[in-house]
């Protein structure tokens, strides 16, 4: 079942998409669909490197609540 999706793109991206369509005679919606299918098929279970480094840092430790975090921030920043 197909559903509609509205995209807002930079005008240069739209111009490129239209030129691509004309060159390859492939509807823009199919190009976007193919791209998303390709992304889905990639291994999406891996975390980005910067998040991977943070993963599990609170394991076994109670994370501070919002009030405590704010207090720590204000004490550290001098606000």
PDB file of N, CA and C in Angstrom:
ATOM      1  N   UNK A   1       0.839  -1.176   0.000  1.00  0.00           N
ATOM      2  CA  UNK A   1       0.000   0.000   0.000  1.00  0.00           C
ATOM      3  C   UNK A   1       0.887   1.243   0.000  1.00  0.00           C
ATOM      4  N   UNK A   2       0.687   2.126  -0.920  1.00  0.00           N
ATOM      5  CA  UNK A   2       1.443   3.368  -0.989  1.00  0.00           C
ATOM      6  C   UNK A   2       0.778   4.443  -0.159  1.00  0.00           C
ATOM      7  N   UNK A   3       1.613   5.270   0.473  1.00  0.00           N
ATOM      8  CA  UNK A   3       1.133   6.415   1.244  1.00  0.00           C
ATOM      9  C   UNK A   3       1.896   7.647   0.793  1.00  0.00           C
ATOM     10  N   UNK A   4       1.318   8.813   1.035  1.00  0.00           N
ATOM     11  CA  UNK A   4       1.961  10.055   0.626  1.00  0.00           C
ATOM     12  C   UNK A   4       2.915  10.542   1.701  1.00  0.00           C
ATOM     13  N   UNK A   5       3.975  11.201   1.257  1.00  0.00           N
ATOM     14  CA  UNK A   5       4.951  11.824   2.127  1.00  0.00           C
ATOM     15  C   UNK A   5       5.312  13.164   1.509  1.00  0.00           C
ATOM     16  N   UNK A   6       5.194  14.221   2.289  1.00  0.00           N
ATOM     17  CA  UNK A   6       5.545  15.546   1.797  1.00  0.00           C
ATOM     18  C   UNK A   6       6.947  15.885   2.264  1.00  0.00           C
ATOM     19  N   UNK A   7       7.787  16.317   1.347  1.00  0.00           N
ATOM     20  CA  UNK A   7       9.162  16.688   1.671  1.00  0.00           C
ATOM     21  C   UNK A   7       9.368  18.169   1.402  1.00  0.00           C
ATOM     22  N   UNK A   8      10.120  18.801   2.245  1.00  0.00           N
ATOM     23  CA  UNK A   8      10.560  20.174   2.014  1.00  0.00           C
ATOM     24  C   UNK A   8      12.055  20.130   1.786  1.00  0.00           C
ATOM     25  N   UNK A   9      12.479  20.579   0.614  1.00  0.00           N
ATOM     26  CA  UNK A   9      13.887  20.499   0.248  1.00  0.00           C
ATOM     27  C   UNK A   9      14.400  21.857  -0.201  1.00  0.00           C
ATOM     28  N   UNK A  10      15.688  22.022  -0.083  1.00  0.00           N
ATOM     29  CA  UNK A  10      16.371  23.198  -0.604  1.00  0.00           C
ATOM     30  C   UNK A  10      16.114  23.264  -2.110  1.00  0.00           C
ATOM     31  N   UNK A  11      15.991  24.460  -2.635  1.00  0.00           N
ATOM     32  CA  UNK A  11      15.661  24.599  -4.061  1.00  0.00           C
ATOM     33  C   UNK A  11      16.718  23.957  -4.959  1.00  0.00           C
ATOM     34  N   UNK A  12      17.979  23.988  -4.550  1.00  0.00           N
ATOM     35  CA  UNK A  12      19.029  23.349  -5.353  1.00  0.00           C
ATOM     36  C   UNK A  12      18.846  21.833  -5.371  1.00  0.00           C
ATOM     37  N   UNK A  13      18.395  21.270  -4.253  1.00  0.00           N
ATOM     38  CA  UNK A  13      18.142  19.829  -4.199  1.00  0.00           C
ATOM     39  C   UNK A  13      16.975  19.462  -5.106  1.00  0.00           C
ATOM     40  N   UNK A  14      15.956  20.309  -5.133  1.00  0.00           N
ATOM     41  CA  UNK A  14      14.802  20.069  -6.001  1.00  0.00           C
ATOM     42  C   UNK A  14      15.226  20.143  -7.467  1.00  0.00           C
ATOM     43  N   UNK A  15      16.033  21.140  -7.804  1.00  0.00           N
ATOM     44  CA  UNK A  15      16.535  21.263  -9.182  1.00  0.00           C
ATOM     45  C   UNK A  15      17.336  20.028  -9.576  1.00  0.00           C
ATOM     46  N   UNK A  16      18.192  19.554  -8.665  1.00  0.00           N
ATOM     47  CA  UNK A  16      18.975  18.360  -8.936  1.00  0.00           C
ATOM     48  C   UNK A  16      18.064  17.150  -9.129  1.00  0.00           C
ATOM     49  N   UNK A  17      17.056  17.010  -8.251  1.00  0.00           N
ATOM     50  CA  UNK A  17      16.137  15.872  -8.341  1.00  0.00           C
ATOM     51  C   UNK A  17      15.400  15.879  -9.681  1.00  0.00           C
ATOM     52  N   UNK A  18      14.963  17.049 -10.096  1.00  0.00           N
ATOM     53  CA  UNK A  18      14.261  17.144 -11.388  1.00  0.00           C
ATOM     54  C   UNK A  18      15.184  16.805 -12.548  1.00  0.00           C
ATOM     55  N   UNK A  19      16.438  17.265 -12.486  1.00  0.00           N
ATOM     56  CA  UNK A  19      17.401  16.942 -13.544  1.00  0.00           C
ATOM     57  C   UNK A  19      17.691  15.441 -13.550  1.00  0.00           C
ATOM     58  N   UNK A  20      17.794  14.848 -12.363  1.00  0.00           N
ATOM     59  CA  UNK A  20      18.035  13.411 -12.249  1.00  0.00           C
ATOM     60  C   UNK A  20      16.877  12.636 -12.858  1.00  0.00           C
ATOM     61  N   UNK A  21      15.652  13.093 -12.562  1.00  0.00           N
ATOM     62  CA  UNK A  21      14.456  12.459 -13.111  1.00  0.00           C
ATOM     63  C   UNK A  21      14.479  12.494 -14.637  1.00  0.00           C
ATOM     64  N   UNK A  22      14.783  13.658 -15.173  1.00  0.00           N
ATOM     65  CA  UNK A  22      14.802  13.789 -16.628  1.00  0.00           C
ATOM     66  C   UNK A  22      15.874  12.905 -17.263  1.00  0.00           C
ATOM     67  N   UNK A  23      17.027  12.826 -16.611  1.00  0.00           N
ATOM     68  CA  UNK A  23      18.136  12.046 -17.172  1.00  0.00           C
ATOM     69  C   UNK A  23      17.861  10.549 -17.134  1.00  0.00           C
ATOM     70  N   UNK A  24      17.334  10.056 -16.008  1.00  0.00           N
ATOM     71  CA  UNK A  24      17.155   8.618 -15.841  1.00  0.00           C
ATOM     72  C   UNK A  24      15.713   8.155 -15.988  1.00  0.00           C
ATOM     73  N   UNK A  25      14.803   9.096 -16.195  1.00  0.00           N
ATOM     74  CA  UNK A  25      13.380   8.791 -16.382  1.00  0.00           C
ATOM     75  C   UNK A  25      12.847   7.915 -15.234  1.00  0.00           C
ATOM     76  N   UNK A  26      13.237   8.292 -14.041  1.00  0.00           N
ATOM     77  CA  UNK A  26      12.796   7.564 -12.856  1.00  0.00           C
ATOM     78  C   UNK A  26      12.112   8.575 -11.929  1.00  0.00           C
ATOM     79  N   UNK A  27      10.875   8.325 -11.529  1.00  0.00           N
ATOM     80  CA  UNK A  27      10.157   9.288 -10.680  1.00  0.00           C
ATOM     81  C   UNK A  27      10.907   9.573  -9.380  1.00  0.00           C
ATOM     82  N   UNK A  28      10.848  10.808  -8.955  1.00  0.00           N
ATOM     83  CA  UNK A  28      11.534  11.222  -7.739  1.00  0.00           C
ATOM     84  C   UNK A  28      11.077  10.387  -6.547  1.00  0.00           C
ATOM     85  N   UNK A  29       9.806  10.068  -6.485  1.00  0.00           N
ATOM     86  CA  UNK A  29       9.301   9.266  -5.365  1.00  0.00           C
ATOM     87  C   UNK A  29       9.980   7.891  -5.325  1.00  0.00           C
ATOM     88  N   UNK A  30      10.257   7.311  -6.503  1.00  0.00           N
ATOM     89  CA  UNK A  30      10.934   6.012  -6.549  1.00  0.00           C
ATOM     90  C   UNK A  30      12.398   6.132  -6.122  1.00  0.00           C
ATOM     91  N   UNK A  31      13.024   7.254  -6.465  1.00  0.00           N
ATOM     92  CA  UNK A  31      14.409   7.488  -6.060  1.00  0.00           C
ATOM     93  C   UNK A  31      14.481   7.580  -4.534  1.00  0.00           C
ATOM     94  N   UNK A  32      13.577   8.355  -3.939  1.00  0.00           N
ATOM     95  CA  UNK A  32      13.545   8.518  -2.484  1.00  0.00           C
ATOM     96  C   UNK A  32      13.208   7.185  -1.817  1.00  0.00           C
ATOM     97  N   UNK A  33      12.242   6.469  -2.365  1.00  0.00           N
ATOM     98  CA  UNK A  33      11.859   5.171  -1.824  1.00  0.00           C
ATOM     99  C   UNK A  33      13.053   4.205  -1.839  1.00  0.00           C
ATOM    100  N   UNK A  34      13.772   4.164  -2.951  1.00  0.00           N
ATOM    101  CA  UNK A  34      14.943   3.288  -3.062  1.00  0.00           C
ATOM    102  C   UNK A  34      15.992   3.641  -2.017  1.00  0.00           C
ATOM    103  N   UNK A  35      16.182   4.934  -1.798  1.00  0.00           N
ATOM    104  CA  UNK A  35      17.166   5.379  -0.814  1.00  0.00           C
ATOM    105  C   UNK A  35      16.783   4.908   0.589  1.00  0.00           C
ATOM    106  N   UNK A  36      15.514   5.056   0.964  1.00  0.00           N
ATOM    107  CA  UNK A  36      15.075   4.635   2.287  1.00  0.00           C
ATOM    108  C   UNK A  36      15.149   3.111   2.451  1.00  0.00           C
ATOM    109  N   UNK A  37      14.833   2.388   1.398  1.00  0.00           N
ATOM    110  CA  UNK A  37      14.947   0.923   1.461  1.00  0.00           C
ATOM    111  C   UNK A  37      16.407   0.531   1.658  1.00  0.00           C
ATOM    112  N   UNK A  38      17.304   1.227   0.970  1.00  0.00           N
ATOM    113  CA  UNK A  38      18.723   0.965   1.116  1.00  0.00           C
ATOM    114  C   UNK A  38      19.195   1.245   2.548  1.00  0.00           C
ATOM    115  N   UNK A  39      18.725   2.343   3.124  1.00  0.00           N
ATOM    116  CA  UNK A  39      19.073   2.664   4.511  1.00  0.00           C
ATOM    117  C   UNK A  39      18.566   1.594   5.472  1.00  0.00           C
ATOM    118  N   UNK A  40      17.355   1.118   5.217  1.00  0.00           N
ATOM    119  CA  UNK A  40      16.756   0.098   6.076  1.00  0.00           C
ATOM    120  C   UNK A  40      17.561  -1.192   6.028  1.00  0.00           C
ATOM    121  N   UNK A  41      18.069  -1.532   4.859  1.00  0.00           N
ATOM    122  CA  UNK A  41      18.797  -2.780   4.688  1.00  0.00           C
ATOM    123  C   UNK A  41      20.196  -2.736   5.296  1.00  0.00           C
ATOM    124  N   UNK A  42      20.712  -1.522   5.523  1.00  0.00           N
ATOM    125  CA  UNK A  42      22.007  -1.412   6.181  1.00  0.00           C
ATOM    126  C   UNK A  42      21.839  -1.811   7.639  1.00  0.00           C
ATOM    127  N   UNK A  43      22.908  -2.156   8.278  1.00  0.00           N
ATOM    128  CA  UNK A  43      22.856  -2.573   9.673  1.00  0.00           C
ATOM    129  C   UNK A  43      22.550  -1.353  10.539  1.00  0.00           C
ATOM    130  N   UNK A  44      21.305  -1.205  10.938  1.00  0.00           N
ATOM    131  CA  UNK A  44      20.902  -0.055  11.723  1.00  0.00           C
ATOM    132  C   UNK A  44      20.969  -0.321  13.221  1.00  0.00           C
ATOM    133  N   UNK A  45      21.442  -1.505  13.625  1.00  0.00           N
ATOM    134  CA  UNK A  45      21.533  -1.811  15.042  1.00  0.00           C
ATOM    135  C   UNK A  45      22.805  -1.235  15.659  1.00  0.00           C
ATOM    136  N   UNK A  46      23.746  -0.829  14.847  1.00  0.00           N
ATOM    137  CA  UNK A  46      24.979  -0.253  15.366  1.00  0.00           C
ATOM    138  C   UNK A  46      24.760   1.205  15.747  1.00  0.00           C
ATOM    139  N   UNK A  47      25.322   1.577  16.878  1.00  0.00           N
ATOM    140  CA  UNK A  47      25.235   2.963  17.324  1.00  0.00           C
ATOM    141  C   UNK A  47      26.348   3.775  16.686  1.00  0.00           C
ATOM    142  N   UNK A  48      26.105   5.072  16.463  1.00  0.00           N
ATOM    143  CA  UNK A  48      27.207   5.924  16.012  1.00  0.00           C
ATOM    144  C   UNK A  48      28.338   5.894  17.040  1.00  0.00           C
ATOM    145  N   UNK A  49      29.561   6.079  16.600  1.00  0.00           N
ATOM    146  CA  UNK A  49      30.745   5.949  17.450  1.00  0.00           C
ATOM    147  C   UNK A  49      30.650   6.799  18.718  1.00  0.00           C
ATOM    148  N   UNK A  50      30.214   8.065  18.598  1.00  0.00           N
ATOM    149  CA  UNK A  50      30.158   8.926  19.780  1.00  0.00           C
ATOM    150  C   UNK A  50      29.132   8.433  20.793  1.00  0.00           C
ATOM    151  N   UNK A  51      28.017   7.849  20.318  1.00  0.00           N
ATOM    152  CA  UNK A  51      27.030   7.294  21.238  1.00  0.00           C
ATOM    153  C   UNK A  51      27.494   5.973  21.820  1.00  0.00           C
ATOM    154  N   UNK A  52      28.219   5.218  21.031  1.00  0.00           N
ATOM    155  CA  UNK A  52      28.722   3.926  21.501  1.00  0.00           C
ATOM    156  C   UNK A  52      29.646   4.116  22.706  1.00  0.00           C
ATOM    157  N   UNK A  53      30.437   5.198  22.683  1.00  0.00           N
ATOM    158  CA  UNK A  53      31.344   5.482  23.789  1.00  0.00           C
ATOM    159  C   UNK A  53      30.585   5.794  25.080  1.00  0.00           C
ATOM    160  N   UNK A  54      29.378   6.363  24.940  1.00  0.00           N
ATOM    161  CA  UNK A  54      28.585   6.719  26.113  1.00  0.00           C
ATOM    162  C   UNK A  54      27.707   5.569  26.599  1.00  0.00           C
ATOM    163  N   UNK A  55      27.499   4.579  25.762  1.00  0.00           N
ATOM    164  CA  UNK A  55      26.584   3.497  26.083  1.00  0.00           C
ATOM    165  C   UNK A  55      27.005   2.793  27.370  1.00  0.00           C
ATOM    166  N   UNK A  56      26.084   2.702  28.298  1.00  0.00           N
ATOM    167  CA  UNK A  56      26.308   1.963  29.535  1.00  0.00           C
ATOM    168  C   UNK A  56      27.011   2.719  30.643  1.00  0.00           C
ATOM    169  N   UNK A  57      27.255   4.024  30.479  1.00  0.00           N
ATOM    170  CA  UNK A  57      28.006   4.733  31.513  1.00  0.00           C
ATOM    171  C   UNK A  57      27.250   4.819  32.835  1.00  0.00           C
ATOM    172  N   UNK A  58      25.926   4.708  32.792  1.00  0.00           N
ATOM    173  CA  UNK A  58      25.148   4.741  34.028  1.00  0.00           C
ATOM    174  C   UNK A  58      24.738   3.345  34.489  1.00  0.00           C
ATOM    175  N   UNK A  59      25.275   2.331  33.847  1.00  0.00           N
ATOM    176  CA  UNK A  59      24.909   0.969  34.208  1.00  0.00           C
ATOM    177  C   UNK A  59      25.327   0.679  35.648  1.00  0.00           C
ATOM    178  N   UNK A  60      24.369   0.214  36.449  1.00  0.00           N
ATOM    179  CA  UNK A  60      24.645  -0.100  37.850  1.00  0.00           C
ATOM    180  C   UNK A  60      24.686   1.112  38.749  1.00  0.00           C
ATOM    181  N   UNK A  61      24.439   2.292  38.185  1.00  0.00           N
ATOM    182  CA  UNK A  61      24.454   3.529  38.961  1.00  0.00           C
ATOM    183  C   UNK A  61      23.128   4.234  38.751  1.00  0.00           C
ATOM    184  N   UNK A  62      22.558   4.737  39.830  1.00  0.00           N
ATOM    185  CA  UNK A  62      21.326   5.509  39.685  1.00  0.00           C
ATOM    186  C   UNK A  62      21.664   6.853  39.050  1.00  0.00           C
ATOM    187  N   UNK A  63      20.989   7.149  37.953  1.00  0.00           N
ATOM    188  CA  UNK A  63      21.200   8.436  37.293  1.00  0.00           C
ATOM    189  C   UNK A  63      20.537   9.520  38.126  1.00  0.00           C
ATOM    190  N   UNK A  64      21.178  10.689  38.239  1.00  0.00           N
ATOM    191  CA  UNK A  64      20.574  11.770  39.025  1.00  0.00           C
ATOM    192  C   UNK A  64      19.289  12.262  38.373  1.00  0.00           C
ATOM    193  N   UNK A  65      18.371  12.754  39.197  1.00  0.00           N
ATOM    194  CA  UNK A  65      17.126  13.280  38.634  1.00  0.00           C
ATOM    195  C   UNK A  65      17.370  14.682  38.076  1.00  0.00           C
ATOM    196  N   UNK A  66      16.336  15.261  37.449  1.00  0.00           N
ATOM    197  CA  UNK A  66      16.478  16.564  36.793  1.00  0.00           C
ATOM    198  C   UNK A  66      16.939  17.645  37.753  1.00  0.00           C
ATOM    199  N   UNK A  67      16.339  17.684  38.940  1.00  0.00           N
ATOM    200  CA  UNK A  67      16.695  18.729  39.900  1.00  0.00           C
ATOM    201  C   UNK A  67      18.167  18.635  40.289  1.00  0.00           C
ATOM    202  N   UNK A  68      18.634  17.434  40.509  1.00  0.00           N
ATOM    203  CA  UNK A  68      20.031  17.235  40.878  1.00  0.00           C
ATOM    204  C   UNK A  68      20.959  17.626  39.727  1.00  0.00           C
ATOM    205  N   UNK A  69      20.575  17.273  38.496  1.00  0.00           N
ATOM    206  CA  UNK A  69      21.384  17.651  37.336  1.00  0.00           C
ATOM    207  C   UNK A  69      21.455  19.162  37.184  1.00  0.00           C
ATOM    208  N   UNK A  70      20.319  19.844  37.375  1.00  0.00           N
ATOM    209  CA  UNK A  70      20.303  21.311  37.287  1.00  0.00           C
ATOM    210  C   UNK A  70      21.203  21.921  38.355  1.00  0.00           C
ATOM    211  N   UNK A  71      21.105  21.403  39.567  1.00  0.00           N
ATOM    212  CA  UNK A  71      21.927  21.905  40.667  1.00  0.00           C
ATOM    213  C   UNK A  71      23.404  21.736  40.337  1.00  0.00           C
ATOM    214  N   UNK A  72      23.775  20.567  39.812  1.00  0.00           N
ATOM    215  CA  UNK A  72      25.165  20.302  39.444  1.00  0.00           C
ATOM    216  C   UNK A  72      25.621  21.249  38.350  1.00  0.00           C
ATOM    217  N   UNK A  73      24.744  21.480  37.372  1.00  0.00           N
ATOM    218  CA  UNK A  73      25.078  22.368  36.262  1.00  0.00           C
ATOM    219  C   UNK A  73      25.316  23.782  36.765  1.00  0.00           C
ATOM    220  N   UNK A  74      24.398  24.287  37.600  1.00  0.00           N
ATOM    221  CA  UNK A  74      24.516  25.653  38.094  1.00  0.00           C
ATOM    222  C   UNK A  74      25.731  25.830  38.995  1.00  0.00           C
ATOM    223  N   UNK A  75      26.034  24.834  39.774  1.00  0.00           N
ATOM    224  CA  UNK A  75      27.221  24.905  40.630  1.00  0.00           C
ATOM    225  C   UNK A  75      28.487  24.926  39.790  1.00  0.00           C
ATOM    226  N   UNK A  76      28.508  24.117  38.745  1.00  0.00           N
ATOM    227  CA  UNK A  76      29.695  24.015  37.899  1.00  0.00           C
ATOM    228  C   UNK A  76      29.874  25.249  37.021  1.00  0.00           C
ATOM    229  N   UNK A  77      28.750  25.790  36.514  1.00  0.00           N
ATOM    230  CA  UNK A  77      28.846  26.901  35.577  1.00  0.00           C
ATOM    231  C   UNK A  77      28.847  28.262  36.269  1.00  0.00           C
ATOM    232  N   UNK A  78      28.501  28.289  37.551  1.00  0.00           N
ATOM    233  CA  UNK A  78      28.498  29.550  38.282  1.00  0.00           C
ATOM    234  C   UNK A  78      27.245  30.384  38.086  1.00  0.00           C
ATOM    235  N   UNK A  79      26.188  29.785  37.567  1.00  0.00           N
ATOM    236  CA  UNK A  79      24.929  30.521  37.368  1.00  0.00           C
ATOM    237  C   UNK A  79      24.108  30.518  38.630  1.00  0.00           C
TER     238      UNK A  79
END
